[in-house]
Amino acid sequence: MDSLFLTHVKEQMWTKRYAKRTTESYLYWIKAFILFNKKRHPQHCHNHEVERFLSYLSNVMNVAPKTQALALNALSFMYKQVLKNELTLELSFNKSHIQQKLPVVLTQQEIGALLPQIDANYALICQLMYGSGLRLMEAVRLRVQDIDFDHFTVRVWQGKGAKNRCVTLAKELVGPLKMQINTVNLYFDCDNKNPNYQGVYLPFALSRKYPNARKELGWHYLFPSKKLSIDPEMNALRRHHINETSIRKVVKVAARRANITKNVTCHTLRHSFATHLLQRGADIRTVQEQLGHSDLRTTQIYTHVIEHGANGVRSPLSDIL
């Protein structure tokens, strides 16, 4: 990173234990803001320039409301935590109002065609995303101890919105998961023989609360990377989790092989999980808890999917044909 200011922002976010992805997103939008203002230093800009930038994102770039909100959060962090000059709460800008799209959902037959086409190295994590309704990053960040075989439960820590929850575990995945843990154990034994290995990454204050946890099997990632890498924050040799980009690519390839024409992503598996639960008669509150939604209205989007087409309004053409 060639900008001293952006490097300083990054260091501030590391100090405050922001997630890597959040840090990258914030830096992206802060850089975009600086470029929008013709590389003027942010300390020479404030409310007016922020309002112009946010309106530009809506009027010209036509970004989604969540994207505009992310940009605002990034700038708010910068002015409050880095420049110590908070933005006003009464910012006046044109807010994005793009209509929310209905999620892409696969039928159970399509899921049955998709999963066998997924590369064997990534099959289990994709089965978990569909079988337990996990987001991609929730799946890759799972630790060995997050799997409860006794109660068929997966524990999700610090999911979206920093929420914790327990989700269902398909009994059919118990065997494959135990085999996966055996694989993790092989990596674990090998890594501990390396004198430079400093254990797995632990977020926030966990490393101080549990000083020996870094070298315990239960805290290691369920889906580890095949290679050791340097933790840039601590300059320590660790084994991180599997790269999420690889999983995205594998799912895209599998959809083509299965001749599915819908726009299939990793999140499509989560959408399909929720929709199929509702179709089987699950209570919407139960689905809400499984997905970790704070607002029931977010979960209700899946009822709209079910109500479209044959499950909703009967076509008048059916009365004629």
C-alpha atoms as a PDB file:
ATOM      1  CA  MET A   1       0.000   0.000   0.000  1.00  0.00           C
ATOM      2  CA  ASP A   2       1.759   3.136  -1.268  1.00  0.00           C
ATOM      3  CA  SER A   3      -0.318   5.736   0.628  1.00  0.00           C
ATOM      4  CA  LEU A   4       0.988   6.562   4.090  1.00  0.00           C
ATOM      5  CA  PHE A   5      -2.449   7.766   5.126  1.00  0.00           C
ATOM      6  CA  LEU A   6      -4.197   4.554   4.041  1.00  0.00           C
ATOM      7  CA  THR A   7      -1.491   2.543   5.776  1.00  0.00           C
ATOM      8  CA  HIS A   8      -2.210   4.525   8.943  1.00  0.00           C
ATOM      9  CA  VAL A   9      -5.956   3.803   8.602  1.00  0.00           C
ATOM     10  CA  LYS A  10      -5.197   0.109   8.136  1.00  0.00           C
ATOM     11  CA  GLU A  11      -3.048   0.050  11.263  1.00  0.00           C
ATOM     12  CA  GLN A  12      -5.821   1.766  13.238  1.00  0.00           C
ATOM     13  CA  MET A  13      -8.307  -0.884  12.131  1.00  0.00           C
ATOM     14  CA  TRP A  14      -5.920  -3.686  13.079  1.00  0.00           C
ATOM     15  CA  THR A  15      -5.472  -2.114  16.500  1.00  0.00           C
ATOM     16  CA  LYS A  16      -9.246  -2.059  16.984  1.00  0.00           C
ATOM     17  CA  ARG A  17      -9.509  -5.716  15.820  1.00  0.00           C
ATOM     18  CA  TYR A  18     -11.604  -5.112  12.717  1.00  0.00           C
ATOM     19  CA  ALA A  19     -12.013  -8.163  10.496  1.00  0.00           C
ATOM     20  CA  LYS A  20      -9.723  -8.417   7.488  1.00  0.00           C
ATOM     21  CA  ARG A  21     -12.597  -8.189   4.994  1.00  0.00           C
ATOM     22  CA  THR A  22     -14.048  -5.144   6.761  1.00  0.00           C
ATOM     23  CA  THR A  23     -10.635  -3.484   6.711  1.00  0.00           C
ATOM     24  CA  GLU A  24     -10.261  -4.134   2.994  1.00  0.00           C
ATOM     25  CA  SER A  25     -13.752  -2.772   2.272  1.00  0.00           C
ATOM     26  CA  TYR A  26     -13.232   0.373   4.321  1.00  0.00           C
ATOM     27  CA  LEU A  27      -9.871   1.066   2.666  1.00  0.00           C
ATOM     28  CA  TYR A  28     -11.470   0.632  -0.766  1.00  0.00           C
ATOM     29  CA  TRP A  29     -14.142   3.255  -0.087  1.00  0.00           C
ATOM     30  CA  ILE A  30     -11.797   5.680   1.647  1.00  0.00           C
ATOM     31  CA  LYS A  31      -9.490   5.502  -1.380  1.00  0.00           C
ATOM     32  CA  ALA A  32     -12.482   6.029  -3.705  1.00  0.00           C
ATOM     33  CA  PHE A  33     -13.473   9.094  -1.664  1.00  0.00           C
ATOM     34  CA  ILE A  34      -9.958  10.540  -1.951  1.00  0.00           C
ATOM     35  CA  LEU A  35      -9.879   9.980  -5.719  1.00  0.00           C
ATOM     36  CA  PHE A  36     -13.356  11.496  -6.083  1.00  0.00           C
ATOM     37  CA  ASN A  37     -12.056  14.652  -4.418  1.00  0.00           C
ATOM     38  CA  LYS A  38      -9.069  14.783  -6.794  1.00  0.00           C
ATOM     39  CA  LYS A  39      -6.662  13.357  -4.217  1.00  0.00           C
ATOM     40  CA  ARG A  40      -7.280  16.052  -1.628  1.00  0.00           C
ATOM     41  CA  HIS A  41      -6.340  14.838   1.825  1.00  0.00           C
ATOM     42  CA  PRO A  42      -9.476  13.886   3.817  1.00  0.00           C
ATOM     43  CA  GLN A  43      -8.498  16.308   6.587  1.00  0.00           C
ATOM     44  CA  HIS A  44      -9.231  19.108   4.108  1.00  0.00           C
ATOM     45  CA  CYS A  45     -12.669  17.671   3.349  1.00  0.00           C
ATOM     46  CA  HIS A  46     -15.671  17.077   5.582  1.00  0.00           C
ATOM     47  CA  ASN A  47     -19.487  16.980   5.555  1.00  0.00           C
ATOM     48  CA  HIS A  48     -19.997  18.692   2.203  1.00  0.00           C
ATOM     49  CA  GLU A  49     -17.527  16.506   0.327  1.00  0.00           C
ATOM     50  CA  VAL A  50     -18.932  13.355   1.949  1.00  0.00           C
ATOM     51  CA  GLU A  51     -22.470  14.339   0.921  1.00  0.00           C
ATOM     52  CA  ARG A  52     -21.341  14.915  -2.675  1.00  0.00           C
ATOM     53  CA  PHE A  53     -19.546  11.577  -2.777  1.00  0.00           C
ATOM     54  CA  LEU A  54     -22.485   9.601  -1.381  1.00  0.00           C
ATOM     55  CA  SER A  55     -24.888  11.317  -3.797  1.00  0.00           C
ATOM     56  CA  TYR A  56     -22.514  10.502  -6.652  1.00  0.00           C
ATOM     57  CA  LEU A  57     -22.619   6.819  -5.687  1.00  0.00           C
ATOM     58  CA  SER A  58     -26.408   6.889  -5.864  1.00  0.00           C
ATOM     59  CA  ASN A  59     -26.973   9.187  -8.878  1.00  0.00           C
ATOM     60  CA  VAL A  60     -24.112   8.155 -11.153  1.00  0.00           C
ATOM     61  CA  MET A  61     -22.817   4.801  -9.971  1.00  0.00           C
ATOM     62  CA  ASN A  62     -26.307   3.514  -9.129  1.00  0.00           C
ATOM     63  CA  VAL A  63     -24.998   1.445  -6.221  1.00  0.00           C
ATOM     64  CA  ALA A  64     -27.222  -0.620  -3.956  1.00  0.00           C
ATOM     65  CA  PRO A  65     -28.354   0.843  -0.608  1.00  0.00           C
ATOM     66  CA  LYS A  66     -26.105  -1.564   1.311  1.00  0.00           C
ATOM     67  CA  THR A  67     -23.088  -0.489  -0.762  1.00  0.00           C
ATOM     68  CA  GLN A  68     -23.789   3.179  -0.115  1.00  0.00           C
ATOM     69  CA  ALA A  69     -24.213   2.447   3.607  1.00  0.00           C
ATOM     70  CA  LEU A  70     -20.864   0.616   3.626  1.00  0.00           C
ATOM     71  CA  ALA A  71     -19.154   3.620   2.051  1.00  0.00           C
ATOM     72  CA  LEU A  72     -20.712   5.897   4.680  1.00  0.00           C
ATOM     73  CA  ASN A  73     -19.565   3.591   7.490  1.00  0.00           C
ATOM     74  CA  ALA A  74     -16.019   3.653   6.117  1.00  0.00           C
ATOM     75  CA  LEU A  75     -15.931   7.445   5.990  1.00  0.00           C
ATOM     76  CA  SER A  76     -17.538   7.762   9.415  1.00  0.00           C
ATOM     77  CA  PHE A  77     -14.831   5.516  10.860  1.00  0.00           C
ATOM     78  CA  MET A  78     -12.100   7.527   9.204  1.00  0.00           C
ATOM     79  CA  TYR A  79     -13.339  10.890  10.469  1.00  0.00           C
ATOM     80  CA  LYS A  80     -14.194   9.689  13.976  1.00  0.00           C
ATOM     81  CA  GLN A  81     -11.383   7.248  14.768  1.00  0.00           C
ATOM     82  CA  VAL A  82      -8.505   8.467  12.589  1.00  0.00           C
ATOM     83  CA  LEU A  83      -8.979  12.196  11.993  1.00  0.00           C
ATOM     84  CA  LYS A  84     -10.857  12.847  15.278  1.00  0.00           C
ATOM     85  CA  ASN A  85     -13.341  15.085  13.465  1.00  0.00           C
ATOM     86  CA  GLU A  86     -16.740  13.391  13.435  1.00  0.00           C
ATOM     87  CA  LEU A  87     -19.241  13.862  10.628  1.00  0.00           C
ATOM     88  CA  THR A  88     -22.595  15.418  11.419  1.00  0.00           C
ATOM     89  CA  LEU A  89     -25.546  13.116  12.030  1.00  0.00           C
ATOM     90  CA  GLU A  90     -27.649  15.214   9.632  1.00  0.00           C
ATOM     91  CA  LEU A  91     -25.823  14.461   6.401  1.00  0.00           C
ATOM     92  CA  SER A  92     -27.920  15.425   3.375  1.00  0.00           C
ATOM     93  CA  PHE A  93     -27.391  13.203   0.349  1.00  0.00           C
ATOM     94  CA  ASN A  94     -29.423  11.292  -2.192  1.00  0.00           C
ATOM     95  CA  LYS A  95     -29.978   7.812  -0.795  1.00  0.00           C
ATOM     96  CA  SER A  96     -30.008   4.761  -3.021  1.00  0.00           C
ATOM     97  CA  HIS A  97     -33.426   3.185  -3.438  1.00  0.00           C
ATOM     98  CA  ILE A  98     -32.799   0.250  -5.729  1.00  0.00           C
ATOM     99  CA  GLN A  99     -35.550  -2.325  -5.378  1.00  0.00           C
ATOM    100  CA  GLN A 100     -34.356  -5.450  -3.601  1.00  0.00           C
ATOM    101  CA  LYS A 101     -34.058  -8.456  -5.882  1.00  0.00           C
ATOM    102  CA  LEU A 102     -35.629 -11.775  -5.054  1.00  0.00           C
ATOM    103  CA  PRO A 103     -32.923 -14.309  -4.157  1.00  0.00           C
ATOM    104  CA  VAL A 104     -31.923 -16.979  -6.649  1.00  0.00           C
ATOM    105  CA  VAL A 105     -33.155 -20.329  -5.330  1.00  0.00           C
ATOM    106  CA  LEU A 106     -32.469 -23.795  -6.686  1.00  0.00           C
ATOM    107  CA  THR A 107     -35.006 -26.597  -6.574  1.00  0.00           C
ATOM    108  CA  GLN A 108     -34.102 -29.696  -4.598  1.00  0.00           C
ATOM    109  CA  GLN A 109     -33.603 -31.479  -7.921  1.00  0.00           C
ATOM    110  CA  GLU A 110     -31.122 -28.790  -8.986  1.00  0.00           C
ATOM    111  CA  ILE A 111     -29.302 -29.037  -5.652  1.00  0.00           C
ATOM    112  CA  GLY A 112     -29.143 -32.802  -6.205  1.00  0.00           C
ATOM    113  CA  ALA A 113     -27.589 -32.196  -9.621  1.00  0.00           C
ATOM    114  CA  LEU A 114     -25.197 -29.465  -8.415  1.00  0.00           C
ATOM    115  CA  LEU A 115     -23.563 -31.073  -5.363  1.00  0.00           C
ATOM    116  CA  PRO A 116     -22.145 -34.163  -7.175  1.00  0.00           C
ATOM    117  CA  GLN A 117     -20.443 -31.830  -9.689  1.00  0.00           C
ATOM    118  CA  ILE A 118     -18.478 -29.966  -7.006  1.00  0.00           C
ATOM    119  CA  ASP A 119     -14.766 -30.744  -6.750  1.00  0.00           C
ATOM    120  CA  ALA A 120     -14.233 -33.406  -4.068  1.00  0.00           C
ATOM    121  CA  ASN A 121     -11.873 -31.101  -2.155  1.00  0.00           C
ATOM    122  CA  TYR A 122     -14.702 -28.609  -1.642  1.00  0.00           C
ATOM    123  CA  ALA A 123     -17.742 -30.890  -1.554  1.00  0.00           C
ATOM    124  CA  LEU A 124     -18.079 -31.046   2.243  1.00  0.00           C
ATOM    125  CA  ILE A 125     -17.992 -27.303   2.847  1.00  0.00           C
ATOM    126  CA  CYS A 126     -20.622 -26.773   0.120  1.00  0.00           C
ATOM    127  CA  GLN A 127     -22.809 -29.479   1.645  1.00  0.00           C
ATOM    128  CA  LEU A 128     -22.524 -27.642   4.969  1.00  0.00           C
ATOM    129  CA  MET A 129     -23.518 -24.318   3.405  1.00  0.00           C
ATOM    130  CA  TYR A 130     -26.665 -25.870   1.982  1.00  0.00           C
ATOM    131  CA  GLY A 131     -27.369 -28.308   4.820  1.00  0.00           C
ATOM    132  CA  SER A 132     -26.945 -25.721   7.604  1.00  0.00           C
ATOM    133  CA  GLY A 133     -27.702 -22.447   5.816  1.00  0.00           C
ATOM    134  CA  LEU A 134     -24.221 -21.035   6.401  1.00  0.00           C
ATOM    135  CA  ARG A 135     -22.777 -17.972   4.744  1.00  0.00           C
ATOM    136  CA  LEU A 136     -19.517 -18.619   2.908  1.00  0.00           C
ATOM    137  CA  MET A 137     -17.325 -16.844   5.463  1.00  0.00           C
ATOM    138  CA  GLU A 138     -19.149 -18.523   8.351  1.00  0.00           C
ATOM    139  CA  ALA A 139     -18.299 -21.887   6.801  1.00  0.00           C
ATOM    140  CA  VAL A 140     -14.610 -21.223   6.141  1.00  0.00           C
ATOM    141  CA  ARG A 141     -14.106 -19.783   9.644  1.00  0.00           C
ATOM    142  CA  LEU A 142     -15.478 -22.830  11.450  1.00  0.00           C
ATOM    143  CA  ARG A 143     -13.175 -24.340  14.079  1.00  0.00           C
ATOM    144  CA  VAL A 144     -12.998 -28.050  14.907  1.00  0.00           C
ATOM    145  CA  GLN A 145     -14.752 -27.508  18.248  1.00  0.00           C
ATOM    146  CA  ASP A 146     -17.700 -25.767  16.573  1.00  0.00           C
ATOM    147  CA  ILE A 147     -19.131 -29.116  15.466  1.00  0.00           C
ATOM    148  CA  ASP A 148     -21.319 -30.753  18.128  1.00  0.00           C
ATOM    149  CA  PHE A 149     -21.874 -34.350  17.058  1.00  0.00           C
ATOM    150  CA  ASP A 150     -23.924 -35.181  20.165  1.00  0.00           C
ATOM    151  CA  HIS A 151     -26.645 -32.640  19.402  1.00  0.00           C
ATOM    152  CA  PHE A 152     -26.158 -32.441  15.604  1.00  0.00           C
ATOM    153  CA  THR A 153     -25.382 -28.750  15.856  1.00  0.00           C
ATOM    154  CA  VAL A 154     -22.972 -26.308  14.256  1.00  0.00           C
ATOM    155  CA  ARG A 155     -21.987 -23.312  16.379  1.00  0.00           C
ATOM    156  CA  VAL A 156     -21.489 -20.093  14.435  1.00  0.00           C
ATOM    157  CA  TRP A 157     -19.476 -17.436  16.269  1.00  0.00           C
ATOM    158  CA  GLN A 158     -19.355 -13.778  15.275  1.00  0.00           C
ATOM    159  CA  GLY A 159     -21.475 -14.168  12.161  1.00  0.00           C
ATOM    160  CA  LYS A 160     -22.819 -11.192  10.246  1.00  0.00           C
ATOM    161  CA  GLY A 161     -23.614  -8.408  12.699  1.00  0.00           C
ATOM    162  CA  ALA A 162     -21.278 -10.034  15.259  1.00  0.00           C
ATOM    163  CA  LYS A 163     -24.041 -12.484  16.238  1.00  0.00           C
ATOM    164  CA  ASN A 164     -23.610 -16.021  17.549  1.00  0.00           C
ATOM    165  CA  ARG A 165     -26.062 -18.827  16.809  1.00  0.00           C
ATOM    166  CA  CYS A 166     -26.523 -22.599  16.626  1.00  0.00           C
ATOM    167  CA  VAL A 167     -27.715 -24.230  13.409  1.00  0.00           C
ATOM    168  CA  THR A 168     -28.754 -27.725  12.441  1.00  0.00           C
ATOM    169  CA  LEU A 169     -26.251 -30.347  11.268  1.00  0.00           C
ATOM    170  CA  ALA A 170     -27.357 -33.007   8.805  1.00  0.00           C
ATOM    171  CA  LYS A 171     -26.721 -36.457  10.281  1.00  0.00           C
ATOM    172  CA  GLU A 172     -25.451 -37.590   6.882  1.00  0.00           C
ATOM    173  CA  LEU A 173     -22.445 -35.263   7.276  1.00  0.00           C
ATOM    174  CA  VAL A 174     -21.256 -36.751  10.579  1.00  0.00           C
ATOM    175  CA  GLY A 175     -19.007 -39.340   8.908  1.00  0.00           C
ATOM    176  CA  PRO A 176     -17.428 -36.937   6.381  1.00  0.00           C
ATOM    177  CA  LEU A 177     -16.886 -34.342   9.114  1.00  0.00           C
ATOM    178  CA  LYS A 178     -15.092 -36.819  11.361  1.00  0.00           C
ATOM    179  CA  MET A 179     -12.846 -37.703   8.420  1.00  0.00           C
ATOM    180  CA  GLN A 180     -12.211 -33.991   7.868  1.00  0.00           C
ATOM    181  CA  ILE A 181     -11.215 -33.588  11.524  1.00  0.00           C
ATOM    182  CA  ASN A 182      -8.778 -36.475  11.098  1.00  0.00           C
ATOM    183  CA  THR A 183      -7.225 -34.550   8.204  1.00  0.00           C
ATOM    184  CA  VAL A 184      -6.985 -31.425  10.380  1.00  0.00           C
ATOM    185  CA  ASN A 185      -5.290 -33.555  13.036  1.00  0.00           C
ATOM    186  CA  LEU A 186      -2.621 -34.640  10.538  1.00  0.00           C
ATOM    187  CA  TYR A 187      -1.881 -31.002   9.707  1.00  0.00           C
ATOM    188  CA  PHE A 188      -1.917 -30.219  13.425  1.00  0.00           C
ATOM    189  CA  ASP A 189       0.689 -32.884  14.267  1.00  0.00           C
ATOM    190  CA  CYS A 190       2.891 -31.817  11.363  1.00  0.00           C
ATOM    191  CA  ASP A 191       2.695 -28.097  12.222  1.00  0.00           C
ATOM    192  CA  ASN A 192       3.548 -28.641  15.880  1.00  0.00           C
ATOM    193  CA  LYS A 193       6.807 -30.288  14.821  1.00  0.00           C
ATOM    194  CA  ASN A 194       7.765 -27.052  13.052  1.00  0.00           C
ATOM    195  CA  PRO A 195       9.722 -24.875  15.538  1.00  0.00           C
ATOM    196  CA  ASN A 196       8.561 -21.708  13.747  1.00  0.00           C
ATOM    197  CA  TYR A 197       4.852 -22.542  13.955  1.00  0.00           C
ATOM    198  CA  GLN A 198       3.063 -20.191  16.363  1.00  0.00           C
ATOM    199  CA  GLY A 199      -0.391 -21.719  16.392  1.00  0.00           C
ATOM    200  CA  VAL A 200      -3.686 -20.774  14.810  1.00  0.00           C
ATOM    201  CA  TYR A 201      -5.017 -17.222  14.624  1.00  0.00           C
ATOM    202  CA  LEU A 202      -7.332 -16.213  17.475  1.00  0.00           C
ATOM    203  CA  PRO A 203      -9.404 -13.015  17.207  1.00  0.00           C
ATOM    204  CA  PHE A 204      -9.806 -10.194  19.686  1.00  0.00           C
ATOM    205  CA  ALA A 205      -8.869 -10.995  23.299  1.00  0.00           C
ATOM    206  CA  LEU A 206      -9.171 -14.781  23.025  1.00  0.00           C
ATOM    207  CA  SER A 207      -5.410 -15.188  22.802  1.00  0.00           C
ATOM    208  CA  ARG A 208      -5.030 -13.473  26.181  1.00  0.00           C
ATOM    209  CA  LYS A 209      -7.993 -15.255  27.749  1.00  0.00           C
ATOM    210  CA  TYR A 210      -6.839 -18.668  26.509  1.00  0.00           C
ATOM    211  CA  PRO A 211      -3.030 -18.421  26.194  1.00  0.00           C
ATOM    212  CA  ASN A 212      -2.620 -22.091  25.251  1.00  0.00           C
ATOM    213  CA  ALA A 213      -5.507 -22.234  22.772  1.00  0.00           C
ATOM    214  CA  ARG A 214      -3.357 -21.423  19.727  1.00  0.00           C
ATOM    215  CA  LYS A 215      -1.761 -24.856  19.990  1.00  0.00           C
ATOM    216  CA  GLU A 216      -4.951 -26.824  20.747  1.00  0.00           C
ATOM    217  CA  LEU A 217      -6.638 -28.899  18.036  1.00  0.00           C
ATOM    218  CA  GLY A 218     -10.154 -27.684  18.855  1.00  0.00           C
ATOM    219  CA  TRP A 219      -9.308 -24.088  17.961  1.00  0.00           C
ATOM    220  CA  HIS A 220      -7.839 -24.950  14.571  1.00  0.00           C
ATOM    221  CA  TYR A 221      -9.826 -24.312  11.416  1.00  0.00           C
ATOM    222  CA  LEU A 222     -12.090 -27.125  10.235  1.00  0.00           C
ATOM    223  CA  PHE A 223     -11.150 -26.357   6.624  1.00  0.00           C
ATOM    224  CA  PRO A 224      -7.466 -25.418   6.755  1.00  0.00           C
ATOM    225  CA  SER A 225      -5.296 -24.065   3.975  1.00  0.00           C
ATOM    226  CA  LYS A 226      -2.833 -26.549   2.491  1.00  0.00           C
ATOM    227  CA  LYS A 227       0.027 -24.135   3.084  1.00  0.00           C
ATOM    228  CA  LEU A 228       1.368 -22.237   6.069  1.00  0.00           C
ATOM    229  CA  SER A 229       1.436 -18.444   5.793  1.00  0.00           C
ATOM    230  CA  ILE A 230       2.571 -15.378   7.704  1.00  0.00           C
ATOM    231  CA  ASP A 231      -0.018 -13.555   9.800  1.00  0.00           C
ATOM    232  CA  PRO A 232       0.650  -9.901   8.787  1.00  0.00           C
ATOM    233  CA  GLU A 233      -0.720  -8.557  12.056  1.00  0.00           C
ATOM    234  CA  MET A 234       1.647 -10.508  14.317  1.00  0.00           C
ATOM    235  CA  ASN A 235       4.264 -11.570  11.745  1.00  0.00           C
ATOM    236  CA  ALA A 236       3.686 -15.144  12.920  1.00  0.00           C
ATOM    237  CA  LEU A 237       3.738 -18.408  10.952  1.00  0.00           C
ATOM    238  CA  ARG A 238       0.225 -19.907  10.999  1.00  0.00           C
ATOM    239  CA  ARG A 239      -2.139 -22.152   9.046  1.00  0.00           C
ATOM    240  CA  HIS A 240      -5.113 -20.095   7.945  1.00  0.00           C
ATOM    241  CA  HIS A 241      -8.468 -21.356   6.689  1.00  0.00           C
ATOM    242  CA  ILE A 242      -9.190 -22.336   3.097  1.00  0.00           C
ATOM    243  CA  ASN A 243      -9.415 -19.505   0.555  1.00  0.00           C
ATOM    244  CA  GLU A 244     -13.025 -18.496  -0.023  1.00  0.00           C
ATOM    245  CA  THR A 245     -12.339 -17.381  -3.610  1.00  0.00           C
ATOM    246  CA  SER A 246     -11.548 -20.960  -4.589  1.00  0.00           C
ATOM    247  CA  ILE A 247     -14.946 -22.111  -3.314  1.00  0.00           C
ATOM    248  CA  ARG A 248     -16.750 -19.423  -5.320  1.00  0.00           C
ATOM    249  CA  LYS A 249     -15.033 -20.579  -8.498  1.00  0.00           C
ATOM    250  CA  VAL A 250     -15.757 -24.249  -7.811  1.00  0.00           C
ATOM    251  CA  VAL A 251     -19.487 -23.566  -7.330  1.00  0.00           C
ATOM    252  CA  LYS A 252     -19.646 -21.639 -10.615  1.00  0.00           C
ATOM    253  CA  VAL A 253     -17.943 -24.481 -12.478  1.00  0.00           C
ATOM    254  CA  ALA A 254     -20.237 -27.069 -10.872  1.00  0.00           C
ATOM    255  CA  ALA A 255     -23.340 -25.121 -11.938  1.00  0.00           C
ATOM    256  CA  ARG A 256     -22.161 -25.136 -15.554  1.00  0.00           C
ATOM    257  CA  ARG A 257     -21.432 -28.853 -15.402  1.00  0.00           C
ATOM    258  CA  ALA A 258     -24.901 -29.482 -13.977  1.00  0.00           C
ATOM    259  CA  ASN A 259     -26.427 -27.430 -16.832  1.00  0.00           C
ATOM    260  CA  ILE A 260     -28.060 -25.008 -14.407  1.00  0.00           C
ATOM    261  CA  THR A 261     -28.746 -21.720 -16.176  1.00  0.00           C
ATOM    262  CA  LYS A 262     -29.531 -19.724 -13.030  1.00  0.00           C
ATOM    263  CA  ASN A 263     -26.894 -17.391 -11.571  1.00  0.00           C
ATOM    264  CA  VAL A 264     -25.575 -19.780  -8.916  1.00  0.00           C
ATOM    265  CA  THR A 265     -23.267 -18.510  -6.144  1.00  0.00           C
ATOM    266  CA  CYS A 266     -22.288 -19.813  -2.728  1.00  0.00           C
ATOM    267  CA  HIS A 267     -25.065 -17.688  -1.223  1.00  0.00           C
ATOM    268  CA  THR A 268     -27.564 -19.487  -3.474  1.00  0.00           C
ATOM    269  CA  LEU A 269     -27.016 -22.549  -1.275  1.00  0.00           C
ATOM    270  CA  ARG A 270     -28.074 -20.540   1.792  1.00  0.00           C
ATOM    271  CA  HIS A 271     -31.107 -19.121  -0.044  1.00  0.00           C
ATOM    272  CA  SER A 272     -32.103 -22.636  -1.110  1.00  0.00           C
ATOM    273  CA  PHE A 273     -31.718 -23.943   2.462  1.00  0.00           C
ATOM    274  CA  ALA A 274     -34.159 -21.322   3.786  1.00  0.00           C
ATOM    275  CA  THR A 275     -36.688 -21.796   0.992  1.00  0.00           C
ATOM    276  CA  HIS A 276     -36.674 -25.583   1.245  1.00  0.00           C
ATOM    277  CA  LEU A 277     -37.194 -25.414   5.016  1.00  0.00           C
ATOM    278  CA  LEU A 278     -40.270 -23.238   4.521  1.00  0.00           C
ATOM    279  CA  GLN A 279     -41.584 -25.514   1.776  1.00  0.00           C
ATOM    280  CA  ARG A 280     -41.316 -28.448   4.198  1.00  0.00           C
ATOM    281  CA  GLY A 281     -43.524 -26.579   6.666  1.00  0.00           C
ATOM    282  CA  ALA A 282     -40.907 -25.081   9.004  1.00  0.00           C
ATOM    283  CA  ASP A 283     -42.061 -22.104  11.043  1.00  0.00           C
ATOM    284  CA  ILE A 284     -40.686 -18.800   9.747  1.00  0.00           C
ATOM    285  CA  ARG A 285     -39.375 -17.933  13.225  1.00  0.00           C
ATOM    286  CA  THR A 286     -37.351 -21.149  13.197  1.00  0.00           C
ATOM    287  CA  VAL A 287     -35.918 -20.272   9.802  1.00  0.00           C
ATOM    288  CA  GLN A 288     -35.113 -16.794  11.091  1.00  0.00           C
ATOM    289  CA  GLU A 289     -33.122 -18.284  13.989  1.00  0.00           C
ATOM    290  CA  GLN A 290     -31.302 -20.711  11.702  1.00  0.00           C
ATOM    291  CA  LEU A 291     -30.260 -17.911   9.355  1.00  0.00           C
ATOM    292  CA  GLY A 292     -29.357 -15.481  12.141  1.00  0.00           C
ATOM    293  CA  HIS A 293     -31.595 -12.662  10.899  1.00  0.00           C
ATOM    294  CA  SER A 294     -32.293  -9.870  13.393  1.00  0.00           C
ATOM    295  CA  ASP A 295     -35.384  -8.706  11.534  1.00  0.00           C
ATOM    296  CA  LEU A 296     -38.151 -11.148  10.556  1.00  0.00           C
ATOM    297  CA  ARG A 297     -38.793  -9.053   7.434  1.00  0.00           C
ATOM    298  CA  THR A 298     -35.422 -10.188   6.072  1.00  0.00           C
ATOM    299  CA  THR A 299     -36.521 -13.814   6.369  1.00  0.00           C
ATOM    300  CA  GLN A 300     -39.916 -13.106   4.805  1.00  0.00           C
ATOM    301  CA  ILE A 301     -38.245 -12.530   1.453  1.00  0.00           C
ATOM    302  CA  TYR A 302     -38.208 -16.312   1.104  1.00  0.00           C
ATOM    303  CA  THR A 303     -41.971 -16.523   1.488  1.00  0.00           C
ATOM    304  CA  HIS A 304     -42.212 -14.192  -1.515  1.00  0.00           C
ATOM    305  CA  VAL A 305     -40.122 -16.647  -3.523  1.00  0.00           C
ATOM    306  CA  ILE A 306     -42.449 -19.519  -2.614  1.00  0.00           C
ATOM    307  CA  GLU A 307     -45.589 -17.503  -3.354  1.00  0.00           C
ATOM    308  CA  HIS A 308     -44.488 -16.700  -6.913  1.00  0.00           C
ATOM    309  CA  GLY A 309     -45.689 -18.883  -9.789  1.00  0.00           C
ATOM    310  CA  ALA A 310     -47.515 -22.156  -9.156  1.00  0.00           C
ATOM    311  CA  ASN A 311     -47.370 -21.802  -5.353  1.00  0.00           C
ATOM    312  CA  GLY A 312     -49.078 -18.413  -5.449  1.00  0.00           C
ATOM    313  CA  VAL A 313     -51.558 -16.919  -7.917  1.00  0.00           C
ATOM    314  CA  ARG A 314     -53.227 -19.302 -10.333  1.00  0.00           C
ATOM    315  CA  SER A 315     -52.784 -18.209 -13.923  1.00  0.00           C
ATOM    316  CA  PRO A 316     -56.020 -17.564 -15.887  1.00  0.00           C
ATOM    317  CA  LEU A 317     -54.403 -19.414 -18.799  1.00  0.00           C
ATOM    318  CA  SER A 318     -54.752 -22.601 -16.765  1.00  0.00           C
ATOM    319  CA  ASP A 319     -58.554 -22.263 -16.901  1.00  0.00           C
ATOM    320  CA  ILE A 320     -58.442 -22.186 -20.698  1.00  0.00           C
ATOM    321  CA  LEU A 321     -55.841 -24.858 -21.418  1.00  0.00           C
END
